[in-house]
Amino acid sequence: MAQTTATIKWLDGMAMVAESGSGHGFLMDGAPANGGRNAGARPMEVLLMGLGGCTTFDVMSILKKSRQPVTDCLVELSGTRADAVPAVYTDIHVHFKVFGDDLDPAKVSRAVTLSAEKYCSASLMLSAGNVTITHSFEALPSAQRAR
């Protein structure tokens, strides 16, 4: 089995530095109402971003293998959390905006579906934990991507 490692170093208040086994790190913090200084992403936001990164990796890899002329990709995620403790995610929606000229919408749809149902470890793990994850996509011409 593959093993992944990470360390979390508490700084002060609710601030902490996360470092991956590959040596990359980032700052997490809490809201001022919870003792933080709003200096970094919340840990549950990081979980949502991790899901977005995992599925984007899959979709872009599949589209590259499908020889789709992707020029850009934006993934928007929204999550709903339970009102009670633990405030777990109950529902997450993942929306892909894939940009490129002459994209085949069927191939974009297939890439999103394959990621959701077969390849995205984060999505499959969260779904197994009773999180309802939905997906949607748009295949858009490159000119529609405003930088």
N, C-alpha and C. Protein backbone atom coordinates (compact mmCIF):
# COMPACT_ATOMS: atom_id res chain seq x y z
N MET A 1 0.83 -1.19 0.00
CA MET A 1 0.00 0.00 0.00
C MET A 1 0.87 1.25 0.00
N ALA A 2 0.43 2.23 -0.74
CA ALA A 2 1.14 3.51 -0.76
C ALA A 2 0.84 4.27 0.52
N GLN A 3 1.83 4.94 1.03
CA GLN A 3 1.65 5.72 2.24
C GLN A 3 1.96 7.18 1.94
N THR A 4 1.13 8.06 2.48
CA THR A 4 1.32 9.50 2.34
C THR A 4 1.52 10.06 3.73
N THR A 5 2.40 11.04 3.85
CA THR A 5 2.64 11.63 5.15
C THR A 5 2.44 13.14 5.11
N ALA A 6 2.19 13.69 6.26
CA ALA A 6 2.06 15.14 6.42
C ALA A 6 2.34 15.46 7.88
N THR A 7 2.76 16.68 8.13
CA THR A 7 2.91 17.16 9.50
C THR A 7 2.18 18.48 9.64
N ILE A 8 1.66 18.71 10.81
CA ILE A 8 1.00 19.97 11.13
C ILE A 8 1.72 20.55 12.34
N LYS A 9 2.25 21.74 12.19
CA LYS A 9 2.97 22.41 13.28
C LYS A 9 2.14 23.58 13.76
N TRP A 10 1.68 23.51 15.01
CA TRP A 10 0.93 24.59 15.61
C TRP A 10 1.85 25.79 15.81
N LEU A 11 1.38 26.98 15.46
CA LEU A 11 2.16 28.20 15.65
C LEU A 11 1.70 28.94 16.90
N ASP A 12 0.48 29.47 16.86
CA ASP A 12 -0.15 30.08 18.02
C ASP A 12 -1.60 30.33 17.67
N GLY A 13 -2.42 30.62 18.69
CA GLY A 13 -3.85 30.81 18.44
C GLY A 13 -4.41 29.59 17.73
N MET A 14 -4.93 29.78 16.53
CA MET A 14 -5.42 28.68 15.71
C MET A 14 -4.59 28.53 14.44
N ALA A 15 -3.45 29.21 14.38
CA ALA A 15 -2.59 29.16 13.19
C ALA A 15 -1.69 27.94 13.23
N MET A 16 -1.52 27.32 12.08
CA MET A 16 -0.65 26.16 11.96
C MET A 16 -0.09 26.09 10.56
N VAL A 17 1.05 25.46 10.43
CA VAL A 17 1.67 25.24 9.13
C VAL A 17 1.56 23.76 8.81
N ALA A 18 1.03 23.46 7.65
CA ALA A 18 0.94 22.08 7.18
C ALA A 18 2.08 21.84 6.20
N GLU A 19 2.73 20.69 6.32
CA GLU A 19 3.78 20.33 5.36
C GLU A 19 3.55 18.91 4.89
N SER A 20 3.58 18.75 3.58
CA SER A 20 3.38 17.44 2.98
C SER A 20 4.67 16.64 3.03
N GLY A 21 4.54 15.34 2.83
CA GLY A 21 5.70 14.47 2.79
C GLY A 21 6.65 14.82 1.67
N SER A 22 6.15 15.51 0.64
CA SER A 22 7.00 15.92 -0.48
C SER A 22 7.67 17.27 -0.22
N GLY A 23 7.43 17.83 0.98
CA GLY A 23 8.14 19.04 1.38
C GLY A 23 7.45 20.35 1.04
N HIS A 24 6.18 20.31 0.67
CA HIS A 24 5.45 21.53 0.34
C HIS A 24 4.53 21.89 1.50
N GLY A 25 4.43 23.17 1.78
CA GLY A 25 3.64 23.58 2.93
C GLY A 25 2.75 24.78 2.67
N PHE A 26 1.86 25.02 3.62
CA PHE A 26 0.98 26.18 3.57
C PHE A 26 0.46 26.47 4.97
N LEU A 27 -0.05 27.68 5.15
CA LEU A 27 -0.57 28.13 6.42
C LEU A 27 -2.07 27.89 6.50
N MET A 28 -2.53 27.38 7.63
CA MET A 28 -3.96 27.28 7.93
C MET A 28 -4.22 28.10 9.18
N ASP A 29 -5.42 28.64 9.28
CA ASP A 29 -5.79 29.43 10.45
C ASP A 29 -7.30 29.37 10.62
N GLY A 30 -7.77 29.83 11.74
CA GLY A 30 -9.19 29.89 12.02
C GLY A 30 -9.72 31.30 11.92
N ALA A 31 -11.03 31.39 11.99
CA ALA A 31 -11.69 32.69 12.00
C ALA A 31 -11.43 33.38 13.33
N PRO A 32 -11.43 34.71 13.37
CA PRO A 32 -11.23 35.42 14.63
C PRO A 32 -12.23 34.99 15.71
N ALA A 33 -13.45 34.66 15.31
CA ALA A 33 -14.46 34.23 16.28
C ALA A 33 -14.07 32.92 16.96
N ASN A 34 -13.17 32.17 16.33
CA ASN A 34 -12.72 30.91 16.90
C ASN A 34 -11.29 30.96 17.41
N GLY A 35 -10.76 32.17 17.61
CA GLY A 35 -9.42 32.31 18.17
C GLY A 35 -8.32 32.46 17.13
N GLY A 36 -8.69 32.50 15.85
CA GLY A 36 -7.71 32.66 14.78
C GLY A 36 -7.52 34.12 14.39
N ARG A 37 -6.65 34.33 13.42
CA ARG A 37 -6.40 35.69 12.92
C ARG A 37 -6.76 35.80 11.44
N ASN A 38 -7.41 34.78 10.89
CA ASN A 38 -7.80 34.77 9.48
C ASN A 38 -6.58 34.89 8.57
N ALA A 39 -5.49 34.25 8.97
CA ALA A 39 -4.23 34.36 8.21
C ALA A 39 -4.07 33.26 7.16
N GLY A 40 -4.96 32.29 7.13
CA GLY A 40 -4.85 31.20 6.16
C GLY A 40 -6.19 30.52 5.98
N ALA A 41 -6.21 29.57 5.08
CA ALA A 41 -7.43 28.81 4.82
C ALA A 41 -7.81 27.98 6.04
N ARG A 42 -9.09 27.77 6.20
CA ARG A 42 -9.59 26.91 7.27
C ARG A 42 -9.29 25.44 6.90
N PRO A 43 -9.06 24.58 7.86
CA PRO A 43 -8.79 23.18 7.55
C PRO A 43 -9.87 22.51 6.70
N MET A 44 -11.14 22.80 6.94
CA MET A 44 -12.21 22.19 6.13
C MET A 44 -12.23 22.77 4.72
N GLU A 45 -11.79 24.01 4.56
CA GLU A 45 -11.64 24.57 3.21
C GLU A 45 -10.52 23.84 2.47
N VAL A 46 -9.47 23.50 3.20
CA VAL A 46 -8.35 22.77 2.60
C VAL A 46 -8.82 21.40 2.12
N LEU A 47 -9.70 20.77 2.88
CA LEU A 47 -10.27 19.48 2.46
C LEU A 47 -11.02 19.64 1.14
N LEU A 48 -11.83 20.69 1.03
CA LEU A 48 -12.58 20.96 -0.20
C LEU A 48 -11.62 21.25 -1.35
N MET A 49 -10.57 22.02 -1.10
CA MET A 49 -9.59 22.32 -2.14
C MET A 49 -8.84 21.06 -2.56
N GLY A 50 -8.56 20.17 -1.61
CA GLY A 50 -7.91 18.91 -1.94
C GLY A 50 -8.75 18.07 -2.88
N LEU A 51 -10.05 18.01 -2.62
CA LEU A 51 -10.96 17.32 -3.52
C LEU A 51 -10.91 17.95 -4.91
N GLY A 52 -10.93 19.27 -4.96
CA GLY A 52 -10.88 19.97 -6.25
C GLY A 52 -9.59 19.69 -7.00
N GLY A 53 -8.48 19.67 -6.30
CA GLY A 53 -7.21 19.38 -6.94
C GLY A 53 -7.14 17.95 -7.45
N CYS A 54 -7.65 17.02 -6.65
CA CYS A 54 -7.62 15.61 -7.03
C CYS A 54 -8.43 15.37 -8.31
N THR A 55 -9.64 15.88 -8.36
CA THR A 55 -10.48 15.65 -9.52
C THR A 55 -10.00 16.42 -10.74
N THR A 56 -9.44 17.61 -10.54
CA THR A 56 -8.89 18.37 -11.66
C THR A 56 -7.70 17.62 -12.28
N PHE A 57 -6.86 17.05 -11.43
CA PHE A 57 -5.72 16.26 -11.91
C PHE A 57 -6.22 15.15 -12.84
N ASP A 58 -7.24 14.42 -12.39
CA ASP A 58 -7.80 13.33 -13.20
C ASP A 58 -8.38 13.83 -14.51
N VAL A 59 -9.25 14.84 -14.43
CA VAL A 59 -9.94 15.33 -15.62
C VAL A 59 -8.94 15.85 -16.65
N MET A 60 -7.95 16.60 -16.21
CA MET A 60 -6.97 17.14 -17.16
C MET A 60 -6.14 16.02 -17.78
N SER A 61 -5.80 15.00 -17.00
CA SER A 61 -5.05 13.87 -17.52
C SER A 61 -5.87 13.11 -18.57
N ILE A 62 -7.14 12.88 -18.29
CA ILE A 62 -8.02 12.18 -19.23
C ILE A 62 -8.22 12.99 -20.50
N LEU A 63 -8.41 14.30 -20.36
CA LEU A 63 -8.61 15.15 -21.54
C LEU A 63 -7.35 15.22 -22.39
N LYS A 64 -6.18 15.20 -21.75
CA LYS A 64 -4.92 15.21 -22.50
C LYS A 64 -4.80 13.91 -23.31
N LYS A 65 -5.11 12.78 -22.67
CA LYS A 65 -5.05 11.49 -23.37
C LYS A 65 -6.09 11.42 -24.48
N SER A 66 -7.19 12.17 -24.34
CA SER A 66 -8.24 12.21 -25.36
C SER A 66 -7.94 13.24 -26.45
N ARG A 67 -6.77 13.85 -26.35
CA ARG A 67 -6.30 14.86 -27.30
C ARG A 67 -7.27 16.05 -27.45
N GLN A 68 -7.80 16.47 -26.31
CA GLN A 68 -8.68 17.63 -26.33
C GLN A 68 -7.83 18.90 -26.21
N PRO A 69 -8.14 19.92 -27.01
CA PRO A 69 -7.33 21.15 -27.03
C PRO A 69 -7.68 22.09 -25.87
N VAL A 70 -7.43 21.66 -24.65
CA VAL A 70 -7.75 22.45 -23.46
C VAL A 70 -6.75 23.59 -23.33
N THR A 71 -7.26 24.80 -23.14
CA THR A 71 -6.40 25.96 -22.91
C THR A 71 -6.45 26.43 -21.47
N ASP A 72 -7.51 26.03 -20.75
CA ASP A 72 -7.64 26.44 -19.36
C ASP A 72 -8.73 25.60 -18.69
N CYS A 73 -8.68 25.56 -17.38
CA CYS A 73 -9.69 24.83 -16.62
C CYS A 73 -9.87 25.53 -15.28
N LEU A 74 -11.11 25.78 -14.95
CA LEU A 74 -11.45 26.38 -13.67
C LEU A 74 -12.47 25.47 -13.00
N VAL A 75 -12.23 25.10 -11.76
CA VAL A 75 -13.14 24.23 -11.04
C VAL A 75 -13.67 24.98 -9.82
N GLU A 76 -14.98 25.09 -9.75
CA GLU A 76 -15.64 25.78 -8.65
C GLU A 76 -16.31 24.74 -7.76
N LEU A 77 -16.00 24.79 -6.47
CA LEU A 77 -16.57 23.83 -5.52
C LEU A 77 -17.39 24.57 -4.48
N SER A 78 -18.51 23.97 -4.11
CA SER A 78 -19.30 24.52 -3.01
C SER A 78 -19.70 23.36 -2.12
N GLY A 79 -19.57 23.55 -0.84
CA GLY A 79 -19.89 22.50 0.11
C GLY A 79 -20.85 22.97 1.17
N THR A 80 -21.74 22.08 1.57
CA THR A 80 -22.67 22.34 2.66
C THR A 80 -22.27 21.47 3.83
N ARG A 81 -22.15 22.10 4.99
CA ARG A 81 -21.75 21.36 6.19
C ARG A 81 -22.92 21.25 7.16
N ALA A 82 -22.92 20.20 7.94
CA ALA A 82 -23.95 19.98 8.96
C ALA A 82 -23.92 21.12 9.96
N ASP A 83 -25.08 21.44 10.52
CA ASP A 83 -25.18 22.50 11.52
C ASP A 83 -24.70 22.04 12.89
N ALA A 84 -24.65 20.74 13.11
CA ALA A 84 -24.26 20.20 14.41
C ALA A 84 -22.80 19.76 14.39
N VAL A 85 -22.24 19.58 15.57
CA VAL A 85 -20.88 19.08 15.70
C VAL A 85 -20.94 17.56 15.64
N PRO A 86 -20.15 16.89 14.84
CA PRO A 86 -19.13 17.46 13.97
C PRO A 86 -19.77 18.07 12.72
N ALA A 87 -19.26 19.21 12.30
CA ALA A 87 -19.80 19.93 11.15
C ALA A 87 -19.20 19.36 9.86
N VAL A 88 -19.56 18.11 9.57
CA VAL A 88 -19.04 17.42 8.39
C VAL A 88 -19.71 17.96 7.13
N TYR A 89 -19.04 17.74 6.00
CA TYR A 89 -19.69 18.06 4.72
C TYR A 89 -20.80 17.04 4.50
N THR A 90 -21.95 17.53 4.11
CA THR A 90 -23.06 16.65 3.75
C THR A 90 -23.24 16.61 2.24
N ASP A 91 -22.98 17.72 1.58
CA ASP A 91 -23.13 17.83 0.14
C ASP A 91 -22.00 18.69 -0.42
N ILE A 92 -21.46 18.27 -1.56
CA ILE A 92 -20.44 19.05 -2.27
C ILE A 92 -20.81 19.05 -3.74
N HIS A 93 -20.72 20.22 -4.36
CA HIS A 93 -20.92 20.31 -5.80
C HIS A 93 -19.62 20.77 -6.45
N VAL A 94 -19.24 20.07 -7.53
CA VAL A 94 -18.02 20.37 -8.27
C VAL A 94 -18.43 20.77 -9.68
N HIS A 95 -18.08 21.99 -10.07
CA HIS A 95 -18.43 22.48 -11.41
C HIS A 95 -17.16 22.80 -12.19
N PHE A 96 -16.98 22.13 -13.30
CA PHE A 96 -15.83 22.34 -14.18
C PHE A 96 -16.19 23.32 -15.28
N LYS A 97 -15.30 24.28 -15.50
CA LYS A 97 -15.36 25.15 -16.68
C LYS A 97 -14.09 24.84 -17.46
N VAL A 98 -14.25 24.10 -18.56
CA VAL A 98 -13.11 23.69 -19.37
C VAL A 98 -13.11 24.55 -20.62
N PHE A 99 -11.99 25.19 -20.87
CA PHE A 99 -11.87 26.11 -22.00
C PHE A 99 -10.97 25.52 -23.08
N GLY A 100 -11.37 25.72 -24.31
CA GLY A 100 -10.58 25.28 -25.45
C GLY A 100 -11.41 25.38 -26.71
N ASP A 101 -10.75 25.54 -27.81
CA ASP A 101 -11.47 25.63 -29.08
C ASP A 101 -11.67 24.23 -29.64
N ASP A 102 -12.89 23.97 -30.10
CA ASP A 102 -13.25 22.66 -30.66
C ASP A 102 -13.21 21.53 -29.63
N LEU A 103 -13.57 21.83 -28.39
CA LEU A 103 -13.68 20.77 -27.38
C LEU A 103 -14.88 19.89 -27.71
N ASP A 104 -14.76 18.62 -27.45
CA ASP A 104 -15.87 17.69 -27.62
C ASP A 104 -16.57 17.57 -26.26
N PRO A 105 -17.79 18.12 -26.11
CA PRO A 105 -18.48 18.07 -24.81
C PRO A 105 -18.66 16.64 -24.29
N ALA A 106 -18.81 15.68 -25.17
CA ALA A 106 -18.96 14.28 -24.73
C ALA A 106 -17.67 13.79 -24.06
N LYS A 107 -16.53 14.21 -24.57
CA LYS A 107 -15.25 13.80 -23.96
C LYS A 107 -15.02 14.50 -22.64
N VAL A 108 -15.46 15.75 -22.52
CA VAL A 108 -15.35 16.46 -21.25
C VAL A 108 -16.26 15.78 -20.22
N SER A 109 -17.48 15.46 -20.63
CA SER A 109 -18.42 14.78 -19.74
C SER A 109 -17.85 13.44 -19.28
N ARG A 110 -17.28 12.70 -20.19
CA ARG A 110 -16.69 11.39 -19.87
C ARG A 110 -15.55 11.55 -18.88
N ALA A 111 -14.70 12.55 -19.07
CA ALA A 111 -13.58 12.79 -18.16
C ALA A 111 -14.08 13.10 -16.74
N VAL A 112 -15.09 13.95 -16.64
CA VAL A 112 -15.65 14.31 -15.33
C VAL A 112 -16.26 13.07 -14.67
N THR A 113 -16.99 12.28 -15.45
CA THR A 113 -17.63 11.07 -14.91
C THR A 113 -16.60 10.04 -14.47
N LEU A 114 -15.57 9.81 -15.29
CA LEU A 114 -14.52 8.86 -14.91
C LEU A 114 -13.82 9.29 -13.63
N SER A 115 -13.54 10.57 -13.50
CA SER A 115 -12.91 11.05 -12.28
C SER A 115 -13.81 10.79 -11.08
N ALA A 116 -15.08 11.14 -11.21
CA ALA A 116 -16.03 11.01 -10.10
C ALA A 116 -16.27 9.57 -9.70
N GLU A 117 -16.35 8.69 -10.68
CA GLU A 117 -16.77 7.31 -10.40
C GLU A 117 -15.64 6.29 -10.30
N LYS A 118 -14.44 6.65 -10.78
CA LYS A 118 -13.39 5.65 -10.83
C LYS A 118 -12.03 6.10 -10.30
N TYR A 119 -11.61 7.32 -10.58
CA TYR A 119 -10.23 7.72 -10.34
C TYR A 119 -9.98 8.64 -9.15
N CYS A 120 -10.87 9.55 -8.84
CA CYS A 120 -10.58 10.55 -7.81
C CYS A 120 -10.71 9.94 -6.41
N SER A 121 -9.56 9.67 -5.81
CA SER A 121 -9.53 9.05 -4.48
C SER A 121 -10.27 9.88 -3.44
N ALA A 122 -10.10 11.20 -3.50
CA ALA A 122 -10.76 12.07 -2.52
C ALA A 122 -12.27 12.01 -2.67
N SER A 123 -12.74 12.07 -3.90
CA SER A 123 -14.18 12.02 -4.16
C SER A 123 -14.78 10.69 -3.71
N LEU A 124 -14.11 9.61 -4.06
CA LEU A 124 -14.61 8.27 -3.69
C LEU A 124 -14.59 8.07 -2.18
N MET A 125 -13.56 8.57 -1.51
CA MET A 125 -13.47 8.44 -0.06
C MET A 125 -14.58 9.23 0.62
N LEU A 126 -14.79 10.48 0.19
CA LEU A 126 -15.84 11.30 0.79
C LEU A 126 -17.23 10.72 0.52
N SER A 127 -17.43 10.21 -0.70
CA SER A 127 -18.72 9.60 -1.04
C SER A 127 -18.99 8.38 -0.17
N ALA A 128 -17.97 7.60 0.09
CA ALA A 128 -18.12 6.41 0.94
C ALA A 128 -18.48 6.81 2.37
N GLY A 129 -18.13 8.04 2.75
CA GLY A 129 -18.45 8.56 4.07
C GLY A 129 -19.77 9.29 4.11
N ASN A 130 -20.63 9.03 3.13
CA ASN A 130 -21.98 9.59 3.05
C ASN A 130 -22.05 11.06 2.67
N VAL A 131 -21.05 11.56 1.98
CA VAL A 131 -21.12 12.91 1.43
C VAL A 131 -21.68 12.78 0.02
N THR A 132 -22.72 13.52 -0.27
CA THR A 132 -23.29 13.51 -1.61
C THR A 132 -22.49 14.48 -2.46
N ILE A 133 -21.84 13.96 -3.50
CA ILE A 133 -21.03 14.80 -4.38
C ILE A 133 -21.66 14.80 -5.76
N THR A 134 -21.95 15.99 -6.27
CA THR A 134 -22.50 16.14 -7.61
C THR A 134 -21.49 16.88 -8.47
N HIS A 135 -21.61 16.66 -9.78
CA HIS A 135 -20.68 17.26 -10.73
C HIS A 135 -21.45 17.88 -11.88
N SER A 136 -20.90 18.94 -12.43
CA SER A 136 -21.42 19.53 -13.66
C SER A 136 -20.23 20.10 -14.42
N PHE A 137 -20.46 20.45 -15.69
CA PHE A 137 -19.36 21.01 -16.47
C PHE A 137 -19.90 21.91 -17.57
N GLU A 138 -19.01 22.74 -18.05
CA GLU A 138 -19.23 23.54 -19.24
C GLU A 138 -17.99 23.39 -20.10
N ALA A 139 -18.18 23.17 -21.40
CA ALA A 139 -17.08 23.17 -22.36
C ALA A 139 -17.21 24.49 -23.11
N LEU A 140 -16.25 25.38 -22.90
CA LEU A 140 -16.36 26.75 -23.39
C LEU A 140 -15.21 27.10 -24.33
N PRO A 141 -15.48 27.98 -25.31
CA PRO A 141 -14.39 28.43 -26.18
C PRO A 141 -13.35 29.23 -25.39
N SER A 142 -12.12 29.16 -25.84
CA SER A 142 -11.02 29.86 -25.16
C SER A 142 -11.30 31.34 -24.97
N ALA A 143 -11.95 31.95 -25.94
CA ALA A 143 -12.21 33.40 -25.88
C ALA A 143 -13.09 33.79 -24.71
N GLN A 144 -13.85 32.86 -24.15
CA GLN A 144 -14.74 33.18 -23.03
C GLN A 144 -14.01 33.23 -21.71
N ARG A 145 -12.76 32.80 -21.67
CA ARG A 145 -12.01 32.82 -20.42
C ARG A 145 -11.41 34.20 -20.20
N ALA A 146 -11.95 34.92 -19.25
CA ALA A 146 -11.42 36.25 -18.91
C ALA A 146 -10.29 36.06 -17.91
N ARG A 147 -9.18 36.62 -18.19
CA ARG A 147 -8.03 36.49 -17.28
C ARG A 147 -8.00 37.65 -16.32
